Amino acid sequence: MIKSSRLSAMVLSAALLLPALAYAAGPKTYQVTGPVLEVKDDLIAVQKGKDRWEIGRDASTKVTGDLKVGSKVTIEYKMVGTAVEVKPDKGGAKKK
């Protein structure tokens, strides 16, 4: 009886945790570090080597410290698609 209830508890726990793990597996997180070139309500521009990186931000973006031009920052970001256009095959499908 004890083994059965323990097994049931383990199965229930696994069933509750699996959806949470699948949700947490989202896109990979990346980082960019450098001096701030520009700050706007919807973006932060950072110098990365010779390149200017523009990272979008919104009300949910967590900022710790005094964010201003010239500050050295590390920004964590995720790549998220905003639109997908499927292109037709160039050769076309061959019929058998």
Protein backbone atom coordinates (compact mmCIF):
# COMPACT_ATOMS: atom_id res chain seq x y z
CA MET A 1 0.00 0.00 0.00
CA ILE A 2 2.79 2.43 0.87
CA LYS A 3 4.65 1.65 -2.35
CA SER A 4 1.51 2.28 -4.39
CA SER A 5 0.85 5.70 -2.84
CA ARG A 6 4.51 6.67 -3.21
CA LEU A 7 4.43 5.68 -6.89
CA SER A 8 1.19 7.62 -7.39
CA ALA A 9 2.74 10.70 -5.79
CA MET A 10 5.80 10.42 -8.03
CA VAL A 11 3.67 10.07 -11.17
CA LEU A 12 1.53 13.04 -10.16
CA SER A 13 4.62 15.15 -9.44
CA ALA A 14 6.12 14.29 -12.83
CA ALA A 15 2.84 15.12 -14.59
CA LEU A 16 2.77 18.53 -12.93
CA LEU A 17 6.43 19.34 -13.61
CA LEU A 18 6.67 18.32 -17.28
CA PRO A 19 4.59 21.20 -18.68
CA ALA A 20 6.61 23.69 -16.61
CA LEU A 21 9.87 22.27 -17.96
CA ALA A 22 8.62 22.42 -21.55
CA TYR A 23 7.61 26.06 -21.09
CA ALA A 24 10.96 26.97 -19.52
CA ALA A 25 12.86 25.49 -22.48
CA GLY A 26 12.09 28.51 -24.73
CA PRO A 27 14.68 30.25 -26.91
CA LYS A 28 18.33 30.35 -25.91
CA THR A 29 19.56 33.42 -24.00
CA TYR A 30 22.52 35.42 -25.36
CA GLN A 31 24.61 38.32 -24.02
CA VAL A 32 26.25 41.42 -25.41
CA THR A 33 28.61 43.63 -23.39
CA GLY A 34 29.89 47.09 -24.24
CA PRO A 35 29.45 50.81 -23.75
CA VAL A 36 25.99 52.31 -24.26
CA LEU A 37 25.75 54.50 -27.37
CA GLU A 38 22.06 55.42 -27.15
CA VAL A 39 19.10 54.86 -24.82
CA LYS A 40 15.45 55.14 -25.91
CA ASP A 41 12.18 53.86 -24.46
CA ASP A 42 12.20 50.95 -26.91
CA LEU A 43 15.92 50.23 -27.48
CA ILE A 44 19.44 50.30 -26.09
CA ALA A 45 22.34 50.68 -28.56
CA VAL A 46 25.67 49.15 -27.50
CA GLN A 47 29.13 49.23 -29.12
CA LYS A 48 30.36 45.67 -29.69
CA GLY A 49 33.81 45.84 -31.27
CA LYS A 50 33.33 47.95 -34.41
CA ASP A 51 29.61 47.19 -34.61
CA ARG A 52 26.59 48.97 -33.19
CA TRP A 53 24.09 46.52 -31.66
CA GLU A 54 20.52 47.70 -31.16
CA ILE A 55 18.64 45.61 -28.60
CA GLY A 56 14.90 46.21 -28.28
CA ARG A 57 13.31 46.69 -24.87
CA ASP A 58 9.86 47.18 -23.37
CA ALA A 59 8.24 47.74 -19.98
CA SER A 60 9.17 44.21 -18.85
CA THR A 61 12.93 44.75 -19.44
CA LYS A 62 14.66 44.71 -16.06
CA VAL A 63 17.30 47.43 -15.67
CA THR A 64 19.55 47.52 -12.60
CA GLY A 65 21.70 50.59 -12.05
CA ASP A 66 21.83 53.95 -13.78
CA LEU A 67 21.40 53.27 -17.51
CA LYS A 68 22.90 56.13 -19.52
CA VAL A 69 25.09 56.78 -22.55
CA GLY A 70 28.69 55.80 -21.82
CA SER A 71 27.84 53.21 -19.15
CA LYS A 72 29.30 49.75 -19.68
CA VAL A 73 26.48 47.21 -19.69
CA THR A 74 25.84 43.53 -20.22
CA ILE A 75 22.49 42.87 -21.87
CA GLU A 76 20.86 39.45 -21.86
CA TYR A 77 18.53 38.91 -24.80
CA LYS A 78 16.65 36.24 -26.73
CA MET A 79 16.14 36.05 -30.47
CA VAL A 80 12.41 36.07 -31.18
CA GLY A 81 10.86 35.97 -34.61
CA THR A 82 8.33 38.67 -35.44
CA ALA A 83 7.18 37.40 -38.84
CA VAL A 84 7.68 34.28 -40.95
CA GLU A 85 7.23 34.16 -44.72
CA VAL A 86 7.46 30.71 -46.31
CA LYS A 87 9.01 30.86 -49.77
CA PRO A 88 7.92 28.55 -52.59
CA ASP A 89 10.31 25.80 -53.69
CA LYS A 90 12.51 27.01 -56.56
CA GLY A 91 12.43 23.76 -58.51
CA GLY A 92 8.81 22.96 -57.80
CA ALA A 93 7.60 19.58 -56.66
CA LYS A 94 8.17 16.76 -59.15
CA LYS A 95 5.14 14.58 -59.81
CA LYS A 96 5.53 10.85 -60.07
